[in-house]
Amino acid sequence: MRKFEGIKYKRSLSKDIVASFVVFLVALPLSMGIAIASGVPPARGLVTGIIGGIVVGAISGSALQVSGPAAGLAVIVAELVQNNGIEMLGSVILLAGLIQLLAGVFKFGKIFRAISPAVIYGMLAGIGVLIFASQFHVMLKEKPRATGIENLISIPISLYHTFFDYDNISHLMAAAIGVTTLIVLLLWDKFKPRSLKLIPGALIAVVIASTLANLFHLPIPYVDVPANLTEVIQVPTPANLIRLMNPPLLISATAIAFIASAESLLSAAAVDRLHQGSKTDFDRELAAQGFGNMVCGALGVLPMTGVIVRSSVNVKAGAKTRLSAILHGVWILVLVVAAPGLLKMIPMSSLAAILVVTGYKLVEVENIRKLKQYGRVPVVIFFATFVGIVAADLLTGVLIGIVLTTIALIYKISYLNIYFERDEKNCKIDIHIEGTATFIRLPKMASVLEQMPADTELYVHLENLAYIDHSCLDWLSMWAEQQQQRGSTVIMHWDRLEKRFRRPFQS
């Protein structure tokens, strides 16, 4: 028996090691690219990836989920850095992590899962467009504009400067490396050999682009990674922590906590569908993400979430335990410490090209098709969230989506429809009541039913009611007695309602 368990453990260990290396290859370029998109040095993204693997991987509630810097937070972090300076990043992330940790401790993990998919899909699509638009400029060695709308509108201007302004040769070279990265990435994803299916296209694209750029000594921007990781660590000062009392910073911390939690738990739920092993403890996962972000905040690096891209790669690569996620963080640390020179050979435009593809993939048309199955309202919420994020900012778009979802919910729980089928010849009226009968809609019900003529057979159909509360039940009983006193016959169809509510109703 022990021999069998030993063989099983060795097989699991070997699969975890292989999977960890594959995830490491995926995480490496994305961690640096997301850092650049967030307006911070690439090394800060690498440190977040290390913490996400080693720290969060060891305590997470989802054994096969992999955490690290996420594209979903790049927009709000970039805005935070632009408006308040990079020195405030750590303090805000520290507070966001504390909010997540407390939410996990007090069992709020399942509440975050209740966020409308229309809001989440709209948020991801909006973030995707913002990342695509901003990184398109970086790929052409142009500076991103201040807002998402400006980035979108100015894309033709950047293209003109790159390809028709002959004084910008270095811009043309950067664009050539970016386009090369795009072509290799797309071709690899479509035509990669089965024997090499575990090797990520992003890595192949970066390696080829970096080789060409260094072989021809192209005068374009390259990744700047310090020889010592401690150089990028920026511990929050007491003065910065006091500044957290400013409402805009409190709002930013809350927004980061909310978005990071929603993205992490949605990712964990998706990972659960990909494997047959133990499922996620959502409260523990939320607390682990919070602790990880507190560590990131204490070091002044990027915030993290559970990332579905890395997590799905982890599962598909054969990972069996949390060791894979932990080791992927170890491999990042080893590379940064042992060979930082390799990272300095990577062109910035190549990483930007990878993020252009990442942003494009976040806008999934399939999500809109899924929402259409549930009617027009979810689609309206999706586009309202999407437009709000692109036209204004991330927080505004998400709040618009949540408010519209709440309004739709209030309408749904207060919806009550009453219609009649009249048989004048036999003095008979069939009254159909459907929807939700609560005290909120009792005035409407009373105003309609009190108009019924005397000396009539009234058949009241209640089988299509989703819910009826005590106030409406009591009023219906009183109304039926009053109609009978006026010479009418009232027949209440309670039967199906009784079966659903498992209680007897009396007319």
Protein backbone atom coordinates (compact mmCIF):
# COMPACT_ATOMS: atom_id res chain seq x y z
CA MET A 1 0.00 0.00 0.00
CA ARG A 2 2.79 2.40 0.95
CA LYS A 3 4.59 1.53 -2.27
CA PHE A 4 1.48 2.40 -4.29
CA GLU A 5 1.10 5.71 -2.43
CA GLY A 6 4.78 6.46 -3.08
CA ILE A 7 4.37 5.87 -6.82
CA LYS A 8 1.23 8.04 -6.85
CA TYR A 9 3.05 10.84 -5.00
CA LYS A 10 5.99 10.74 -7.44
CA ARG A 11 3.64 10.94 -10.43
CA SER A 12 1.82 13.88 -8.86
CA LEU A 13 5.12 15.59 -8.08
CA SER A 14 6.42 15.20 -11.62
CA LYS A 15 3.18 16.56 -13.10
CA ASP A 16 3.22 19.54 -10.74
CA ILE A 17 6.82 20.37 -11.68
CA VAL A 18 6.05 20.25 -15.41
CA ALA A 19 2.88 22.30 -14.97
CA SER A 20 4.69 24.90 -12.83
CA PHE A 21 7.26 25.45 -15.55
CA VAL A 22 4.56 25.90 -18.20
CA VAL A 23 2.70 28.42 -16.00
CA PHE A 24 5.99 30.21 -15.35
CA LEU A 25 6.50 30.63 -19.10
CA VAL A 26 3.02 32.12 -19.42
CA ALA A 27 3.29 34.35 -16.35
CA LEU A 28 6.72 35.84 -17.10
CA PRO A 29 5.88 38.05 -20.10
CA LEU A 30 2.39 38.87 -18.83
CA SER A 31 3.64 40.01 -15.41
CA MET A 32 6.01 42.49 -17.02
CA GLY A 33 3.52 43.59 -19.66
CA ILE A 34 0.75 44.25 -17.12
CA ALA A 35 3.20 46.27 -15.02
CA ILE A 36 4.00 48.43 -18.04
CA ALA A 37 0.28 48.84 -18.79
CA SER A 38 -0.20 49.87 -15.15
CA GLY A 39 2.40 52.61 -15.44
CA VAL A 40 4.97 51.00 -13.12
CA PRO A 41 8.38 49.34 -13.71
CA PRO A 42 8.21 45.74 -15.02
CA ALA A 43 10.02 44.40 -11.95
CA ARG A 44 7.04 45.31 -9.76
CA GLY A 45 4.89 42.97 -11.81
CA LEU A 46 7.47 40.21 -11.37
CA VAL A 47 7.49 40.66 -7.58
CA THR A 48 3.68 40.39 -7.55
CA GLY A 49 3.95 37.18 -9.58
CA ILE A 50 6.43 35.78 -7.06
CA ILE A 51 4.16 36.63 -4.12
CA GLY A 52 1.11 35.28 -5.94
CA GLY A 53 2.87 31.97 -6.47
CA ILE A 54 4.82 31.39 -3.26
CA VAL A 55 2.65 33.14 -0.66
CA VAL A 56 -0.93 32.92 -1.98
CA GLY A 57 -0.33 29.57 -3.66
CA ALA A 58 0.52 28.07 -0.27
CA ILE A 59 -2.63 29.26 1.55
CA SER A 60 -5.26 29.68 -1.18
CA GLY A 61 -8.70 28.13 -1.03
CA SER A 62 -8.39 26.93 -4.64
CA ALA A 63 -5.45 24.54 -4.92
CA LEU A 64 -5.08 24.83 -8.70
CA GLN A 65 -5.70 28.55 -9.09
CA VAL A 66 -2.65 30.67 -9.93
CA SER A 67 -2.45 34.27 -8.73
CA GLY A 68 -0.49 37.21 -10.06
CA PRO A 69 -0.85 40.68 -11.59
CA ALA A 70 -4.03 40.84 -13.65
CA ALA A 71 -4.97 42.85 -16.70
CA GLY A 72 -8.30 43.62 -15.03
CA LEU A 73 -6.61 45.95 -12.53
CA ALA A 74 -4.15 47.62 -14.90
CA VAL A 75 -6.49 50.47 -15.79
CA ILE A 76 -7.38 51.49 -12.25
CA VAL A 77 -3.76 51.16 -11.07
CA ALA A 78 -2.52 53.32 -13.95
CA GLU A 79 -5.07 55.98 -13.03
CA LEU A 80 -4.07 55.76 -9.37
CA VAL A 81 -0.37 56.18 -10.18
CA GLN A 82 -1.05 59.03 -12.59
CA ASN A 83 -3.20 60.99 -10.14
CA ASN A 84 -1.43 60.29 -6.84
CA GLY A 85 2.09 59.18 -7.68
CA ILE A 86 3.68 55.74 -7.51
CA GLU A 87 4.55 56.28 -3.84
CA MET A 88 0.85 55.89 -2.91
CA LEU A 89 0.46 52.56 -4.70
CA GLY A 90 1.61 50.43 -1.77
CA SER A 91 -0.63 52.14 0.79
CA VAL A 92 -3.76 51.78 -1.37
CA ILE A 93 -3.02 48.12 -2.17
CA LEU A 94 -2.38 47.45 1.54
CA LEU A 95 -5.83 48.82 2.42
CA ALA A 96 -7.48 46.94 -0.46
CA GLY A 97 -5.88 43.71 0.76
CA LEU A 98 -7.11 44.35 4.30
CA ILE A 99 -10.66 44.81 3.00
CA GLN A 100 -10.41 41.49 1.13
CA LEU A 101 -8.92 39.71 4.14
CA LEU A 102 -11.72 40.91 6.43
CA ALA A 103 -14.33 39.99 3.81
CA GLY A 104 -12.93 36.45 3.73
CA VAL A 105 -12.74 36.18 7.54
CA PHE A 106 -16.36 37.31 7.88
CA LYS A 107 -17.54 34.83 5.21
CA PHE A 108 -18.40 37.30 2.45
CA GLY A 109 -16.79 35.16 -0.27
CA LYS A 110 -20.06 33.78 -1.60
CA ILE A 111 -21.58 37.28 -1.79
CA PHE A 112 -19.02 38.32 -4.41
CA ARG A 113 -20.11 35.37 -6.53
CA ALA A 114 -23.60 36.89 -6.69
CA ILE A 115 -22.43 39.76 -8.91
CA SER A 116 -24.38 39.80 -12.16
CA PRO A 117 -22.50 38.11 -15.04
CA ALA A 118 -23.63 41.03 -17.24
CA VAL A 119 -21.61 43.43 -15.06
CA ILE A 120 -18.56 41.14 -15.00
CA TYR A 121 -18.61 40.53 -18.76
CA GLY A 122 -19.11 44.25 -19.42
CA MET A 123 -16.25 45.08 -17.05
CA LEU A 124 -13.87 42.64 -18.73
CA ALA A 125 -14.83 43.87 -22.20
CA GLY A 126 -14.36 47.51 -21.18
CA ILE A 127 -10.98 46.75 -19.61
CA GLY A 128 -10.03 44.82 -22.74
CA VAL A 129 -10.75 47.82 -24.98
CA LEU A 130 -8.81 50.17 -22.69
CA ILE A 131 -5.79 47.85 -22.60
CA PHE A 132 -5.93 47.28 -26.35
CA ALA A 133 -6.11 51.01 -27.11
CA SER A 134 -3.37 52.10 -24.69
CA GLN A 135 -0.92 49.31 -25.53
CA PHE A 136 -1.43 49.80 -29.26
CA HIS A 137 0.32 53.15 -28.84
CA VAL A 138 3.13 51.59 -26.76
CA MET A 139 3.63 48.97 -29.48
CA LEU A 140 4.29 51.86 -31.89
CA LYS A 141 6.63 53.63 -29.41
CA GLU A 142 4.01 56.30 -28.80
CA LYS A 143 2.78 57.48 -25.41
CA PRO A 144 -0.70 56.39 -24.32
CA ARG A 145 -3.24 59.20 -23.96
CA ALA A 146 -4.97 60.22 -20.74
CA THR A 147 -8.35 58.56 -21.36
CA GLY A 148 -9.72 55.52 -23.12
CA ILE A 149 -11.65 57.59 -25.67
CA GLU A 150 -8.53 59.60 -26.52
CA ASN A 151 -6.53 56.39 -26.95
CA LEU A 152 -9.12 55.00 -29.36
CA ILE A 153 -9.50 58.18 -31.39
CA SER A 154 -5.76 58.78 -31.69
CA ILE A 155 -4.87 55.31 -33.02
CA PRO A 156 -4.95 56.55 -36.68
CA ILE A 157 -2.65 59.46 -35.69
CA SER A 158 -0.11 57.07 -34.14
CA LEU A 159 -0.24 54.87 -37.23
CA TYR A 160 0.36 57.88 -39.47
CA HIS A 161 3.35 59.03 -37.38
CA THR A 162 4.83 55.55 -37.44
CA PHE A 163 4.48 54.67 -41.10
CA PHE A 164 4.49 58.03 -42.87
CA ASP A 165 6.69 60.27 -40.74
CA TYR A 166 10.16 59.39 -41.99
CA ASP A 167 11.86 61.11 -39.04
CA ASN A 168 10.50 58.35 -36.79
CA ILE A 169 12.65 55.43 -37.92
CA SER A 170 12.90 54.06 -34.39
CA HIS A 171 9.08 54.12 -34.17
CA LEU A 172 8.93 52.07 -37.37
CA MET A 173 11.44 49.57 -35.95
CA ALA A 174 9.45 49.26 -32.71
CA ALA A 175 6.27 48.75 -34.73
CA ALA A 176 8.01 46.06 -36.82
CA ILE A 177 8.96 44.16 -33.64
CA GLY A 178 5.43 44.56 -32.30
CA VAL A 179 3.83 43.33 -35.51
CA THR A 180 6.28 40.42 -35.62
CA THR A 181 5.20 39.49 -32.09
CA LEU A 182 1.54 39.65 -33.11
CA ILE A 183 2.05 37.49 -36.18
CA VAL A 184 4.09 34.84 -34.33
CA LEU A 185 1.61 34.75 -31.45
CA LEU A 186 -1.43 34.34 -33.70
CA LEU A 187 0.24 31.77 -35.96
CA TRP A 188 1.52 29.74 -33.01
CA ASP A 189 -1.90 29.63 -31.37
CA LYS A 190 -3.44 28.43 -34.63
CA PHE A 191 -0.80 26.06 -36.04
CA LYS A 192 1.33 24.92 -33.09
CA PRO A 193 2.38 21.26 -33.21
CA ARG A 194 0.66 18.93 -30.79
CA SER A 195 3.98 17.89 -29.32
CA LEU A 196 4.60 21.53 -28.32
CA LYS A 197 1.07 22.46 -27.28
CA LEU A 198 2.12 23.23 -23.70
CA ILE A 199 4.57 25.94 -24.78
CA PRO A 200 2.73 29.28 -24.68
CA GLY A 201 2.59 31.37 -27.82
CA ALA A 202 3.44 34.54 -25.87
CA LEU A 203 6.81 33.09 -24.91
CA ILE A 204 7.64 31.98 -28.46
CA ALA A 205 6.65 35.40 -29.80
CA VAL A 206 8.77 37.25 -27.23
CA VAL A 207 11.79 35.03 -27.81
CA ILE A 208 11.67 35.51 -31.60
CA ALA A 209 11.07 39.27 -31.33
CA SER A 210 13.85 39.68 -28.75
CA THR A 211 16.27 37.65 -30.87
CA LEU A 212 15.62 39.81 -33.93
CA ALA A 213 15.83 43.07 -31.98
CA ASN A 214 19.16 42.15 -30.34
CA LEU A 215 20.62 40.52 -33.45
CA PHE A 216 20.18 43.73 -35.44
CA HIS A 217 20.87 46.01 -32.45
CA LEU A 218 17.65 47.91 -33.03
CA PRO A 219 17.53 51.32 -31.26
CA ILE A 220 14.19 50.75 -29.52
CA PRO A 221 13.16 50.70 -25.84
CA TYR A 222 13.87 47.49 -23.92
CA VAL A 223 12.67 46.23 -20.56
CA ASP A 224 14.49 47.82 -17.64
CA VAL A 225 14.89 45.32 -14.79
CA PRO A 226 17.19 46.10 -11.83
CA ALA A 227 19.90 43.64 -10.91
CA ASN A 228 18.55 43.64 -7.36
CA LEU A 229 14.80 43.26 -6.82
CA THR A 230 14.98 45.17 -3.55
CA GLU A 231 15.49 48.33 -5.61
CA VAL A 232 11.82 48.33 -6.67
CA ILE A 233 10.45 47.72 -3.19
CA GLN A 234 8.80 50.86 -1.79
CA VAL A 235 7.47 50.39 1.74
CA PRO A 236 4.54 52.72 2.56
CA THR A 237 5.50 55.59 4.85
CA PRO A 238 3.38 56.79 7.81
CA ALA A 239 2.58 59.97 5.85
CA ASN A 240 1.28 57.92 2.90
CA LEU A 241 -0.85 55.77 5.21
CA ILE A 242 -2.39 58.90 6.71
CA ARG A 243 -3.26 60.09 3.18
CA LEU A 244 -5.53 57.05 2.84
CA MET A 245 -8.16 59.08 4.72
CA ASN A 246 -8.69 61.09 1.52
CA PRO A 247 -12.02 59.98 -0.04
CA PRO A 248 -10.60 59.44 -3.58
CA LEU A 249 -7.95 57.06 -2.22
CA LEU A 250 -10.50 55.22 -0.08
CA ILE A 251 -12.67 54.80 -3.16
CA SER A 252 -9.68 53.51 -5.18
CA ALA A 253 -8.81 50.97 -2.47
CA THR A 254 -12.43 49.79 -2.26
CA ALA A 255 -12.67 49.53 -6.05
CA ILE A 256 -9.46 47.48 -6.25
CA ALA A 257 -10.67 45.19 -3.45
CA PHE A 258 -14.05 44.74 -5.13
CA ILE A 259 -12.72 44.08 -8.63
CA ALA A 260 -9.85 41.86 -7.44
CA SER A 261 -12.25 39.80 -5.31
CA ALA A 262 -14.83 39.39 -8.06
CA GLU A 263 -12.20 38.42 -10.64
CA SER A 264 -10.46 35.99 -8.27
CA LEU A 265 -13.64 34.19 -7.20
CA LEU A 266 -15.03 34.02 -10.72
CA SER A 267 -11.71 32.57 -11.85
CA ALA A 268 -11.81 30.03 -9.00
CA ALA A 269 -15.35 28.99 -9.98
CA ALA A 270 -14.18 28.53 -13.58
CA VAL A 271 -11.20 26.45 -12.44
CA ASP A 272 -13.55 24.18 -10.46
CA ARG A 273 -15.25 23.26 -13.72
CA LEU A 274 -11.95 22.25 -15.31
CA HIS A 275 -10.95 19.49 -12.88
CA GLN A 276 -12.44 16.73 -10.75
CA GLY A 277 -10.45 17.38 -7.57
CA SER A 278 -11.39 19.27 -4.43
CA LYS A 279 -13.42 22.41 -5.01
CA THR A 280 -12.78 25.96 -3.90
CA ASP A 281 -13.31 27.26 -0.37
CA PHE A 282 -14.36 30.76 -1.47
CA ASP A 283 -13.99 32.46 1.91
CA ARG A 284 -10.49 31.05 2.35
CA GLU A 285 -9.58 32.04 -1.21
CA LEU A 286 -10.80 35.59 -0.61
CA ALA A 287 -8.82 35.84 2.64
CA ALA A 288 -5.70 34.45 0.91
CA GLN A 289 -6.01 37.00 -1.89
CA GLY A 290 -6.39 39.73 0.72
CA PHE A 291 -3.29 38.58 2.61
CA GLY A 292 -1.34 38.42 -0.65
CA ASN A 293 -2.38 41.95 -1.56
CA MET A 294 -1.39 43.17 1.89
CA VAL A 295 2.09 41.74 1.26
CA CYS A 296 2.13 43.39 -2.17
CA GLY A 297 1.05 46.67 -0.60
CA ALA A 298 3.71 46.43 2.08
CA LEU A 299 6.32 46.09 -0.68
CA GLY A 300 4.78 48.75 -2.93
CA VAL A 301 4.22 46.48 -5.95
CA LEU A 302 1.20 45.63 -8.13
CA PRO A 303 -2.04 44.15 -6.75
CA MET A 304 -2.94 40.59 -7.63
CA THR A 305 -5.94 38.44 -8.41
CA GLY A 306 -6.54 34.84 -9.27
CA VAL A 307 -5.89 34.77 -13.03
CA ILE A 308 -7.98 32.47 -15.23
CA VAL A 309 -5.39 32.38 -18.05
CA ARG A 310 -2.63 31.03 -15.81
CA SER A 311 -5.01 28.84 -13.82
CA SER A 312 -6.48 27.15 -16.90
CA VAL A 313 -2.98 26.56 -18.27
CA ASN A 314 -2.05 25.06 -14.90
CA VAL A 315 -4.94 22.58 -15.04
CA LYS A 316 -4.39 21.70 -18.71
CA ALA A 317 -0.68 21.13 -18.06
CA GLY A 318 -1.62 18.39 -15.58
CA ALA A 319 -1.17 20.06 -12.18
CA LYS A 320 -2.49 18.00 -9.28
CA THR A 321 -1.73 20.07 -6.17
CA ARG A 322 -0.95 23.62 -5.06
CA LEU A 323 2.75 22.84 -5.43
CA SER A 324 2.56 23.83 -9.10
CA ALA A 325 1.40 27.38 -8.29
CA ILE A 326 4.06 27.71 -5.60
CA LEU A 327 6.86 26.51 -7.87
CA HIS A 328 5.91 28.87 -10.69
CA GLY A 329 6.63 31.73 -8.28
CA VAL A 330 9.94 30.12 -7.35
CA TRP A 331 10.98 29.91 -11.03
CA ILE A 332 10.24 33.63 -11.53
CA LEU A 333 12.33 34.47 -8.48
CA VAL A 334 15.23 32.28 -9.64
CA LEU A 335 15.27 33.84 -13.12
CA VAL A 336 15.11 37.43 -11.84
CA VAL A 337 17.89 36.82 -9.33
CA ALA A 338 20.14 34.63 -11.50
CA ALA A 339 19.71 36.12 -14.98
CA PRO A 340 18.19 39.63 -15.02
CA GLY A 341 20.20 40.33 -18.18
CA LEU A 342 17.93 38.02 -20.17
CA LEU A 343 14.90 40.12 -19.26
CA LYS A 344 16.66 43.31 -20.37
CA MET A 345 16.83 41.90 -23.90
CA ILE A 346 13.04 42.00 -24.30
CA PRO A 347 11.66 44.91 -26.39
CA MET A 348 8.89 46.94 -24.81
CA SER A 349 6.92 46.88 -28.05
CA SER A 350 6.90 43.08 -27.94
CA LEU A 351 5.30 43.02 -24.48
CA ALA A 352 2.84 45.70 -25.62
CA ALA A 353 1.85 43.51 -28.59
CA ILE A 354 1.09 40.63 -26.22
CA LEU A 355 -1.17 42.93 -24.20
CA VAL A 356 -2.89 44.11 -27.38
CA VAL A 357 -3.89 40.49 -27.98
CA THR A 358 -4.80 40.05 -24.30
CA GLY A 359 -7.08 43.10 -24.45
CA TYR A 360 -8.68 41.87 -27.65
CA LYS A 361 -9.41 38.47 -26.11
CA LEU A 362 -11.13 40.05 -23.11
CA VAL A 363 -13.87 41.32 -25.46
CA GLU A 364 -15.65 38.00 -25.99
CA VAL A 365 -18.65 38.19 -28.32
CA GLU A 366 -19.68 34.76 -27.02
CA ASN A 367 -20.48 36.38 -23.66
CA ILE A 368 -23.05 38.64 -25.34
CA ARG A 369 -24.67 35.60 -26.96
CA LYS A 370 -24.90 33.93 -23.54
CA LEU A 371 -26.58 36.99 -22.05
CA LYS A 372 -29.11 37.18 -24.91
CA GLN A 373 -30.55 33.87 -23.73
CA TYR A 374 -31.84 35.65 -20.63
CA GLY A 375 -33.51 38.55 -22.43
CA ARG A 376 -32.70 42.13 -23.28
CA VAL A 377 -32.04 43.44 -19.78
CA PRO A 378 -28.70 41.62 -19.21
CA VAL A 379 -27.49 42.81 -22.64
CA VAL A 380 -28.43 46.41 -21.79
CA ILE A 381 -26.54 46.11 -18.48
CA PHE A 382 -23.52 44.68 -20.32
CA PHE A 383 -23.31 47.56 -22.80
CA ALA A 384 -24.03 50.20 -20.14
CA THR A 385 -21.14 48.87 -18.04
CA PHE A 386 -18.91 48.60 -21.10
CA VAL A 387 -19.63 52.13 -22.36
CA GLY A 388 -19.30 53.57 -18.86
CA ILE A 389 -15.83 52.10 -18.45
CA VAL A 390 -14.58 53.16 -21.88
CA ALA A 391 -16.15 56.64 -21.84
CA ALA A 392 -15.55 57.52 -18.17
CA ASP A 393 -13.55 55.16 -15.95
CA LEU A 394 -13.59 51.67 -14.49
CA LEU A 395 -15.35 52.51 -11.23
CA THR A 396 -18.07 54.55 -12.95
CA GLY A 397 -18.80 51.75 -15.41
CA VAL A 398 -19.03 49.09 -12.69
CA LEU A 399 -21.28 51.29 -10.54
CA ILE A 400 -23.57 51.89 -13.55
CA GLY A 401 -23.82 48.12 -14.05
CA ILE A 402 -24.57 47.45 -10.38
CA VAL A 403 -27.21 50.20 -10.20
CA LEU A 404 -28.95 48.94 -13.35
CA THR A 405 -28.85 45.37 -12.00
CA THR A 406 -30.43 46.55 -8.76
CA ILE A 407 -33.15 48.46 -10.63
CA ALA A 408 -33.88 45.39 -12.76
CA LEU A 409 -34.09 43.24 -9.63
CA ILE A 410 -36.45 45.67 -7.89
CA TYR A 411 -38.65 45.74 -10.99
CA LYS A 412 -38.65 41.96 -11.18
CA ILE A 413 -39.60 41.41 -7.56
CA SER A 414 -42.31 44.08 -7.78
CA TYR A 415 -43.73 42.98 -11.17
CA LEU A 416 -47.42 42.10 -11.01
CA ASN A 417 -49.67 41.54 -14.02
CA ILE A 418 -53.45 41.08 -13.87
CA TYR A 419 -55.53 40.29 -16.93
CA PHE A 420 -59.07 39.00 -17.62
CA GLU A 421 -60.92 36.61 -19.89
CA ARG A 422 -64.59 37.65 -19.99
CA ASP A 423 -67.56 35.44 -20.89
CA GLU A 424 -70.43 37.97 -21.01
CA LYS A 425 -72.99 35.33 -22.01
CA ASN A 426 -72.44 33.22 -18.90
CA CYS A 427 -71.55 36.15 -16.61
CA LYS A 428 -68.15 34.63 -16.03
CA ILE A 429 -64.73 36.25 -15.66
CA ASP A 430 -61.39 34.43 -15.42
CA ILE A 431 -58.89 36.57 -13.49
CA HIS A 432 -55.22 35.72 -14.04
CA ILE A 433 -52.66 37.07 -11.57
CA GLU A 434 -48.98 36.53 -12.33
CA GLY A 435 -45.65 37.81 -11.13
CA THR A 436 -44.92 38.75 -7.51
CA ALA A 437 -47.77 39.71 -5.20
CA THR A 438 -46.36 41.67 -2.25
CA PHE A 439 -47.53 44.61 -0.14
CA ILE A 440 -45.72 46.89 -2.62
CA ARG A 441 -48.19 45.96 -5.37
CA LEU A 442 -51.23 45.51 -3.14
CA PRO A 443 -52.70 48.94 -4.09
CA LYS A 444 -52.63 47.95 -7.77
CA MET A 445 -54.27 44.59 -7.06
CA ALA A 446 -56.97 46.25 -4.96
CA SER A 447 -57.75 48.97 -7.51
CA VAL A 448 -58.20 46.36 -10.28
CA LEU A 449 -60.12 43.63 -8.46
CA GLU A 450 -62.47 46.00 -6.66
CA GLN A 451 -63.89 46.96 -10.09
CA MET A 452 -65.41 43.48 -10.60
CA PRO A 453 -69.18 43.55 -11.24
CA ALA A 454 -71.66 41.92 -8.86
CA ASP A 455 -73.57 38.70 -9.56
CA THR A 456 -70.70 37.18 -11.57
CA GLU A 457 -68.75 33.94 -11.50
CA LEU A 458 -65.16 34.91 -10.71
CA TYR A 459 -62.40 32.35 -11.28
CA VAL A 460 -59.11 33.60 -9.82
CA HIS A 461 -56.04 31.84 -11.28
CA LEU A 462 -52.93 32.12 -9.08
CA GLU A 463 -50.79 29.30 -10.47
CA ASN A 464 -48.44 31.72 -12.28
CA LEU A 465 -47.55 33.67 -9.17
CA ALA A 466 -43.85 33.46 -8.34
CA TYR A 467 -44.52 34.63 -4.79
CA ILE A 468 -47.35 35.95 -2.63
CA ASP A 469 -46.93 37.44 0.82
CA HIS A 470 -49.26 37.40 3.83
CA SER A 471 -50.70 40.89 3.23
CA CYS A 472 -51.89 39.94 -0.27
CA LEU A 473 -53.23 36.59 0.90
CA ASP A 474 -55.20 38.27 3.67
CA TRP A 475 -56.57 40.91 1.30
CA LEU A 476 -57.61 38.31 -1.31
CA SER A 477 -59.54 36.37 1.33
CA MET A 478 -61.33 39.53 2.45
CA TRP A 479 -62.05 40.52 -1.17
CA ALA A 480 -63.52 37.07 -1.93
CA GLU A 481 -65.89 37.36 1.05
CA GLN A 482 -66.99 40.84 -0.07
CA GLN A 483 -67.67 39.63 -3.61
CA GLN A 484 -69.77 36.73 -2.31
CA GLN A 485 -71.79 39.17 -0.20
CA ARG A 486 -72.51 41.05 -3.48
CA GLY A 487 -73.93 37.90 -5.04
CA SER A 488 -70.86 36.73 -6.94
CA THR A 489 -69.35 33.26 -6.88
CA VAL A 490 -65.60 33.30 -6.24
CA ILE A 491 -63.49 30.25 -7.03
CA MET A 492 -59.84 30.58 -6.03
CA HIS A 493 -57.42 28.25 -7.82
CA TRP A 494 -54.91 27.68 -5.02
CA ASP A 495 -53.96 24.09 -5.89
CA ARG A 496 -50.67 24.63 -7.76
CA LEU A 497 -49.73 27.44 -5.41
CA GLU A 498 -50.21 25.11 -2.43
CA LYS A 499 -47.87 22.52 -3.96
CA ARG A 500 -45.09 25.08 -4.48
CA PHE A 501 -45.43 26.72 -1.09
CA ARG A 502 -46.29 23.43 0.69
CA ARG A 503 -49.00 25.05 2.75
CA PRO A 504 -52.82 25.20 2.49
CA PHE A 505 -54.51 28.38 1.29
CA GLN A 506 -58.09 29.29 2.08
CA SER A 507 -60.45 31.47 0.13
